[in-house]
Amino acid sequence: MKCVGLPIFVVVVMTACAAAVGLAGAQDATKPAYLNTSLPAEQRAADVVHRMTLEEKGTQLLNQARAIPRLNVPAYDWWSEALHGVATNGTTEFPEPIGLAATFDAPAIHDMAVVISTEGRIKHVQAVRAGHSNIFEGLDFWAPNINIFRDPRWGRGQETYGEDPFLTARMGVAFVTGMQGEDPKYYRVISTVRE
């Protein structure tokens, strides 16, 4: 299974930097560009990546990305899943995607994804307040799975929206837009499409 969305690294680093800045108070002109929330995300990401050593960059390529204290980048665990609810205790579990596809109701999938992402953000805030970043506590989710399910010998068909490419596309778009929200600057969470 392949995760699409390499730019998620950039978004996660930017989210971490924004969280660190949020605690620091007013913007200071002497701060590096990556800490200036008024700059475009692409510029901030380029700045923080430019400041990282090769070793620091390497530590960010694992699902358990290490902290970079000198840059105020906290540790972060990328492994979060939400095909039909946040994969952790205390959250709503919805039917498997193959069953959801049988509804042919893309607006309902969108509404469901709003609930999932809201619960995911709550779980993330609880983890941050508790002072840790563990598996299933991040803001990026490996969902939805948009594989076209045409061979029943593949054992993960229940994770997909079935064999119809048109329906899968409609459900996938509804899920992603529901997860990420409509704010033009801030995503509620990041939905990383799996295929």
C-alpha atoms as a PDB file:
ATOM      1  CA  MET A   1       0.000   0.000   0.000  1.00  0.00           C
ATOM      2  CA  LYS A   2       1.398   3.358  -1.018  1.00  0.00           C
ATOM      3  CA  CYS A   3       0.686   6.699   0.660  1.00  0.00           C
ATOM      4  CA  VAL A   4       0.321   9.627  -1.698  1.00  0.00           C
ATOM      5  CA  GLY A   5       1.061  13.090  -0.403  1.00  0.00           C
ATOM      6  CA  LEU A   6       4.763  13.782   0.166  1.00  0.00           C
ATOM      7  CA  PRO A   7       3.848  17.422   0.863  1.00  0.00           C
ATOM      8  CA  ILE A   8       2.369  16.181   4.163  1.00  0.00           C
ATOM      9  CA  PHE A   9       5.929  16.445   5.541  1.00  0.00           C
ATOM     10  CA  VAL A  10       5.790  20.140   4.804  1.00  0.00           C
ATOM     11  CA  VAL A  11       2.348  20.540   6.377  1.00  0.00           C
ATOM     12  CA  VAL A  12       3.339  18.629   9.520  1.00  0.00           C
ATOM     13  CA  VAL A  13       6.512  20.668   9.973  1.00  0.00           C
ATOM     14  CA  MET A  14       4.530  23.860   9.422  1.00  0.00           C
ATOM     15  CA  THR A  15       1.853  22.776  11.922  1.00  0.00           C
ATOM     16  CA  ALA A  16       4.515  21.976  14.489  1.00  0.00           C
ATOM     17  CA  CYS A  17       6.219  25.310  13.918  1.00  0.00           C
ATOM     18  CA  ALA A  18       2.924  27.174  14.159  1.00  0.00           C
ATOM     19  CA  ALA A  19       2.160  25.432  17.470  1.00  0.00           C
ATOM     20  CA  ALA A  20       5.562  26.440  18.827  1.00  0.00           C
ATOM     21  CA  VAL A  21       5.020  30.030  17.725  1.00  0.00           C
ATOM     22  CA  GLY A  22       1.523  30.143  19.192  1.00  0.00           C
ATOM     23  CA  LEU A  23       3.039  29.780  22.635  1.00  0.00           C
ATOM     24  CA  ALA A  24       5.699  32.395  21.996  1.00  0.00           C
ATOM     25  CA  GLY A  25       3.322  35.333  21.601  1.00  0.00           C
ATOM     26  CA  ALA A  26       3.682  38.253  19.195  1.00  0.00           C
ATOM     27  CA  GLN A  27       5.766  37.969  16.046  1.00  0.00           C
ATOM     28  CA  ASP A  28       9.290  39.329  16.252  1.00  0.00           C
ATOM     29  CA  ALA A  29      10.967  40.649  13.105  1.00  0.00           C
ATOM     30  CA  THR A  30      14.200  38.862  14.098  1.00  0.00           C
ATOM     31  CA  LYS A  31      12.566  35.437  14.063  1.00  0.00           C
ATOM     32  CA  PRO A  32      13.312  33.092  11.175  1.00  0.00           C
ATOM     33  CA  ALA A  33      10.844  32.997   8.286  1.00  0.00           C
ATOM     34  CA  TYR A  34       9.532  29.537   9.227  1.00  0.00           C
ATOM     35  CA  LEU A  35       8.205  30.954  12.504  1.00  0.00           C
ATOM     36  CA  ASN A  36       6.387  33.847  10.804  1.00  0.00           C
ATOM     37  CA  THR A  37       2.775  32.710  10.389  1.00  0.00           C
ATOM     38  CA  SER A  38       1.999  35.672   8.119  1.00  0.00           C
ATOM     39  CA  LEU A  39       4.241  34.236   5.375  1.00  0.00           C
ATOM     40  CA  PRO A  40       3.009  31.663   2.833  1.00  0.00           C
ATOM     41  CA  ALA A  41       3.330  28.011   3.931  1.00  0.00           C
ATOM     42  CA  GLU A  42       5.608  27.194   0.988  1.00  0.00           C
ATOM     43  CA  GLN A  43       8.094  29.913   1.982  1.00  0.00           C
ATOM     44  CA  ARG A  44       8.050  28.848   5.633  1.00  0.00           C
ATOM     45  CA  ALA A  45       8.529  25.184   4.723  1.00  0.00           C
ATOM     46  CA  ALA A  46      11.451  25.984   2.425  1.00  0.00           C
ATOM     47  CA  ASP A  47      13.063  28.024   5.195  1.00  0.00           C
ATOM     48  CA  VAL A  48      12.787  25.336   7.890  1.00  0.00           C
ATOM     49  CA  VAL A  49      13.995  22.586   5.545  1.00  0.00           C
ATOM     50  CA  HIS A  50      16.947  24.782   4.497  1.00  0.00           C
ATOM     51  CA  ARG A  51      17.899  25.175   8.184  1.00  0.00           C
ATOM     52  CA  MET A  52      17.837  21.426   8.895  1.00  0.00           C
ATOM     53  CA  THR A  53      20.987  19.364   8.729  1.00  0.00           C
ATOM     54  CA  LEU A  54      20.999  16.259   6.556  1.00  0.00           C
ATOM     55  CA  GLU A  55      20.712  14.108   9.686  1.00  0.00           C
ATOM     56  CA  GLU A  56      17.742  16.142  10.954  1.00  0.00           C
ATOM     57  CA  LYS A  57      16.018  15.775   7.594  1.00  0.00           C
ATOM     58  CA  GLY A  58      16.544  12.032   7.778  1.00  0.00           C
ATOM     59  CA  THR A  59      14.904  11.834  11.214  1.00  0.00           C
ATOM     60  CA  GLN A  60      11.757  13.378   9.746  1.00  0.00           C
ATOM     61  CA  LEU A  61      11.253  10.585   7.208  1.00  0.00           C
ATOM     62  CA  LEU A  62      10.047   8.047   9.786  1.00  0.00           C
ATOM     63  CA  ASN A  63       6.526   7.843  11.149  1.00  0.00           C
ATOM     64  CA  GLN A  64       8.029   8.675  14.563  1.00  0.00           C
ATOM     65  CA  ALA A  65       9.740  11.922  13.544  1.00  0.00           C
ATOM     66  CA  ARG A  66      12.180  13.137  16.179  1.00  0.00           C
ATOM     67  CA  ALA A  67      12.138  16.591  17.728  1.00  0.00           C
ATOM     68  CA  ILE A  68      14.580  19.194  16.486  1.00  0.00           C
ATOM     69  CA  PRO A  69      14.981  21.323  19.623  1.00  0.00           C
ATOM     70  CA  ARG A  70      17.265  23.950  18.074  1.00  0.00           C
ATOM     71  CA  LEU A  71      14.486  24.775  15.570  1.00  0.00           C
ATOM     72  CA  ASN A  72      11.587  24.368  18.018  1.00  0.00           C
ATOM     73  CA  VAL A  73      10.198  21.474  15.967  1.00  0.00           C
ATOM     74  CA  PRO A  74       8.518  18.980  18.320  1.00  0.00           C
ATOM     75  CA  ALA A  75       8.505  15.202  17.932  1.00  0.00           C
ATOM     76  CA  TYR A  76       5.596  13.950  15.855  1.00  0.00           C
ATOM     77  CA  ASP A  77       4.141  10.535  15.060  1.00  0.00           C
ATOM     78  CA  TRP A  78       2.647  10.417  11.569  1.00  0.00           C
ATOM     79  CA  TRP A  79       0.819   7.123  11.966  1.00  0.00           C
ATOM     80  CA  SER A  80      -2.874   7.946  12.249  1.00  0.00           C
ATOM     81  CA  GLU A  81      -5.691   6.143  10.484  1.00  0.00           C
ATOM     82  CA  ALA A  82      -9.331   7.036   9.958  1.00  0.00           C
ATOM     83  CA  LEU A  83     -10.963   4.980   7.196  1.00  0.00           C
ATOM     84  CA  HIS A  84     -14.236   4.879   9.104  1.00  0.00           C
ATOM     85  CA  GLY A  85     -13.430   6.730  12.309  1.00  0.00           C
ATOM     86  CA  VAL A  86     -10.276   7.721  14.170  1.00  0.00           C
ATOM     87  CA  ALA A  87      -8.473   4.478  15.005  1.00  0.00           C
ATOM     88  CA  THR A  88      -8.300   5.060  18.750  1.00  0.00           C
ATOM     89  CA  ASN A  89     -10.474   4.633  21.827  1.00  0.00           C
ATOM     90  CA  GLY A  90     -13.251   7.089  22.587  1.00  0.00           C
ATOM     91  CA  THR A  91     -14.208   8.001  19.016  1.00  0.00           C
ATOM     92  CA  THR A  92     -17.142   7.236  16.729  1.00  0.00           C
ATOM     93  CA  GLU A  93     -16.819   4.159  14.514  1.00  0.00           C
ATOM     94  CA  PHE A  94     -18.672   4.255  11.231  1.00  0.00           C
ATOM     95  CA  PRO A  95     -19.304   1.327   8.832  1.00  0.00           C
ATOM     96  CA  GLU A  96     -16.477   0.041   6.636  1.00  0.00           C
ATOM     97  CA  PRO A  97     -15.972   2.032   3.402  1.00  0.00           C
ATOM     98  CA  ILE A  98     -17.330  -0.787   1.211  1.00  0.00           C
ATOM     99  CA  GLY A  99     -20.625  -0.504   3.109  1.00  0.00           C
ATOM    100  CA  LEU A 100     -20.551   3.288   2.993  1.00  0.00           C
ATOM    101  CA  ALA A 101     -20.187   3.144  -0.793  1.00  0.00           C
ATOM    102  CA  ALA A 102     -23.401   1.137  -0.973  1.00  0.00           C
ATOM    103  CA  THR A 103     -25.245   4.253   0.218  1.00  0.00           C
ATOM    104  CA  PHE A 104     -24.220   6.188  -2.938  1.00  0.00           C
ATOM    105  CA  ASP A 105     -24.511   9.250  -0.647  1.00  0.00           C
ATOM    106  CA  ALA A 106     -21.438  11.463  -1.109  1.00  0.00           C
ATOM    107  CA  PRO A 107     -22.847  14.309   1.056  1.00  0.00           C
ATOM    108  CA  ALA A 108     -23.261  11.847   3.949  1.00  0.00           C
ATOM    109  CA  ILE A 109     -19.645  10.715   3.482  1.00  0.00           C
ATOM    110  CA  HIS A 110     -18.584  14.375   3.632  1.00  0.00           C
ATOM    111  CA  ASP A 111     -20.550  14.904   6.870  1.00  0.00           C
ATOM    112  CA  MET A 112     -19.079  11.725   8.352  1.00  0.00           C
ATOM    113  CA  ALA A 113     -15.558  12.921   7.509  1.00  0.00           C
ATOM    114  CA  VAL A 114     -16.244  16.228   9.302  1.00  0.00           C
ATOM    115  CA  VAL A 115     -17.107  14.244  12.442  1.00  0.00           C
ATOM    116  CA  ILE A 116     -14.016  12.029  12.059  1.00  0.00           C
ATOM    117  CA  SER A 117     -11.654  14.968  11.581  1.00  0.00           C
ATOM    118  CA  THR A 118     -13.159  16.922  14.475  1.00  0.00           C
ATOM    119  CA  GLU A 119     -12.661  13.925  16.756  1.00  0.00           C
ATOM    120  CA  GLY A 120      -9.132  13.485  15.370  1.00  0.00           C
ATOM    121  CA  ARG A 121      -8.261  17.082  16.179  1.00  0.00           C
ATOM    122  CA  ILE A 122      -9.679  16.668  19.707  1.00  0.00           C
ATOM    123  CA  LYS A 123      -7.558  13.547  20.255  1.00  0.00           C
ATOM    124  CA  HIS A 124      -4.481  15.422  18.990  1.00  0.00           C
ATOM    125  CA  VAL A 125      -5.066  18.364  21.352  1.00  0.00           C
ATOM    126  CA  GLN A 126      -5.512  15.951  24.274  1.00  0.00           C
ATOM    127  CA  ALA A 127      -2.195  14.272  23.403  1.00  0.00           C
ATOM    128  CA  VAL A 128      -0.358  17.607  23.089  1.00  0.00           C
ATOM    129  CA  ARG A 129      -1.731  18.744  26.449  1.00  0.00           C
ATOM    130  CA  ALA A 130      -0.550  15.447  27.948  1.00  0.00           C
ATOM    131  CA  GLY A 131       2.911  16.163  26.539  1.00  0.00           C
ATOM    132  CA  HIS A 132       3.310  13.382  23.995  1.00  0.00           C
ATOM    133  CA  SER A 133       2.928  12.464  20.331  1.00  0.00           C
ATOM    134  CA  ASN A 134       2.293   8.760  19.890  1.00  0.00           C
ATOM    135  CA  ILE A 135       0.794   6.548  17.224  1.00  0.00           C
ATOM    136  CA  PHE A 136      -2.779   7.587  16.275  1.00  0.00           C
ATOM    137  CA  GLU A 137      -2.405  11.029  17.897  1.00  0.00           C
ATOM    138  CA  GLY A 138      -1.389  13.104  14.868  1.00  0.00           C
ATOM    139  CA  LEU A 139      -3.272  15.400  12.529  1.00  0.00           C
ATOM    140  CA  ASP A 140      -2.594  13.499   9.314  1.00  0.00           C
ATOM    141  CA  PHE A 141      -4.659  10.443   8.468  1.00  0.00           C
ATOM    142  CA  TRP A 142      -4.048   7.651   5.985  1.00  0.00           C
ATOM    143  CA  ALA A 143      -7.518   7.725   4.498  1.00  0.00           C
ATOM    144  CA  PRO A 144      -9.418   7.235   2.283  1.00  0.00           C
ATOM    145  CA  ASN A 145      -8.310   4.139   0.385  1.00  0.00           C
ATOM    146  CA  ILE A 146      -9.165   4.747  -3.269  1.00  0.00           C
ATOM    147  CA  ASN A 147      -8.031   1.409  -4.671  1.00  0.00           C
ATOM    148  CA  ILE A 148     -10.480   0.026  -7.201  1.00  0.00           C
ATOM    149  CA  PHE A 149     -11.553  -3.310  -5.742  1.00  0.00           C
ATOM    150  CA  ARG A 150     -11.912  -5.786  -8.583  1.00  0.00           C
ATOM    151  CA  ASP A 151     -10.273  -8.959  -7.278  1.00  0.00           C
ATOM    152  CA  PRO A 152     -11.810 -10.584  -4.184  1.00  0.00           C
ATOM    153  CA  ARG A 153      -8.543 -12.419  -3.497  1.00  0.00           C
ATOM    154  CA  TRP A 154      -7.090  -9.118  -2.300  1.00  0.00           C
ATOM    155  CA  GLY A 155      -7.797  -9.208   1.415  1.00  0.00           C
ATOM    156  CA  ARG A 156      -8.485  -5.544   2.037  1.00  0.00           C
ATOM    157  CA  GLY A 157     -11.480  -4.842  -0.177  1.00  0.00           C
ATOM    158  CA  GLN A 158     -13.563  -3.685   2.785  1.00  0.00           C
ATOM    159  CA  GLU A 159     -11.259  -0.640   3.043  1.00  0.00           C
ATOM    160  CA  THR A 160     -12.276   0.597  -0.413  1.00  0.00           C
ATOM    161  CA  TYR A 161     -15.388   2.115  -1.977  1.00  0.00           C
ATOM    162  CA  GLY A 162     -15.661  -0.826  -4.367  1.00  0.00           C
ATOM    163  CA  GLU A 163     -15.086  -1.454  -8.060  1.00  0.00           C
ATOM    164  CA  ASP A 164     -16.684   1.609  -9.644  1.00  0.00           C
ATOM    165  CA  PRO A 165     -14.101   4.338 -10.428  1.00  0.00           C
ATOM    166  CA  PHE A 166     -16.743   7.077 -10.679  1.00  0.00           C
ATOM    167  CA  LEU A 167     -18.302   6.233  -7.313  1.00  0.00           C
ATOM    168  CA  THR A 168     -14.873   5.832  -5.700  1.00  0.00           C
ATOM    169  CA  ALA A 169     -13.859   9.272  -6.971  1.00  0.00           C
ATOM    170  CA  ARG A 170     -17.054  10.905  -5.665  1.00  0.00           C
ATOM    171  CA  MET A 171     -16.701   9.238  -2.258  1.00  0.00           C
ATOM    172  CA  GLY A 172     -12.981  10.015  -2.086  1.00  0.00           C
ATOM    173  CA  VAL A 173     -13.468  13.711  -2.827  1.00  0.00           C
ATOM    174  CA  ALA A 174     -16.313  13.933  -0.303  1.00  0.00           C
ATOM    175  CA  PHE A 175     -14.176  12.254   2.349  1.00  0.00           C
ATOM    176  CA  VAL A 176     -11.072  14.402   1.757  1.00  0.00           C
ATOM    177  CA  THR A 177     -12.965  17.710   1.662  1.00  0.00           C
ATOM    178  CA  GLY A 178     -14.877  16.745   4.798  1.00  0.00           C
ATOM    179  CA  MET A 179     -11.684  15.817   6.627  1.00  0.00           C
ATOM    180  CA  GLN A 180      -9.661  18.870   5.654  1.00  0.00           C
ATOM    181  CA  GLY A 181     -12.381  21.505   6.044  1.00  0.00           C
ATOM    182  CA  GLU A 182     -13.096  24.680   4.118  1.00  0.00           C
ATOM    183  CA  ASP A 183     -10.755  27.182   5.771  1.00  0.00           C
ATOM    184  CA  PRO A 184      -8.518  28.639   3.033  1.00  0.00           C
ATOM    185  CA  LYS A 185      -5.500  28.867   5.360  1.00  0.00           C
ATOM    186  CA  TYR A 186      -5.816  26.132   8.001  1.00  0.00           C
ATOM    187  CA  TYR A 187      -6.734  22.494   7.470  1.00  0.00           C
ATOM    188  CA  ARG A 188      -8.736  20.738  10.175  1.00  0.00           C
ATOM    189  CA  VAL A 189      -6.568  17.654   9.540  1.00  0.00           C
ATOM    190  CA  ILE A 190      -4.668  16.275   6.550  1.00  0.00           C
ATOM    191  CA  SER A 191      -6.217  13.429   4.605  1.00  0.00           C
ATOM    192  CA  THR A 192      -3.526  11.370   2.858  1.00  0.00           C
ATOM    193  CA  VAL A 193      -5.154   9.306   0.132  1.00  0.00           C
ATOM    194  CA  ARG A 194      -4.073   5.658   0.045  1.00  0.00           C
ATOM    195  CA  GLU A 195      -4.015   3.592  -3.071  1.00  0.00           C
END
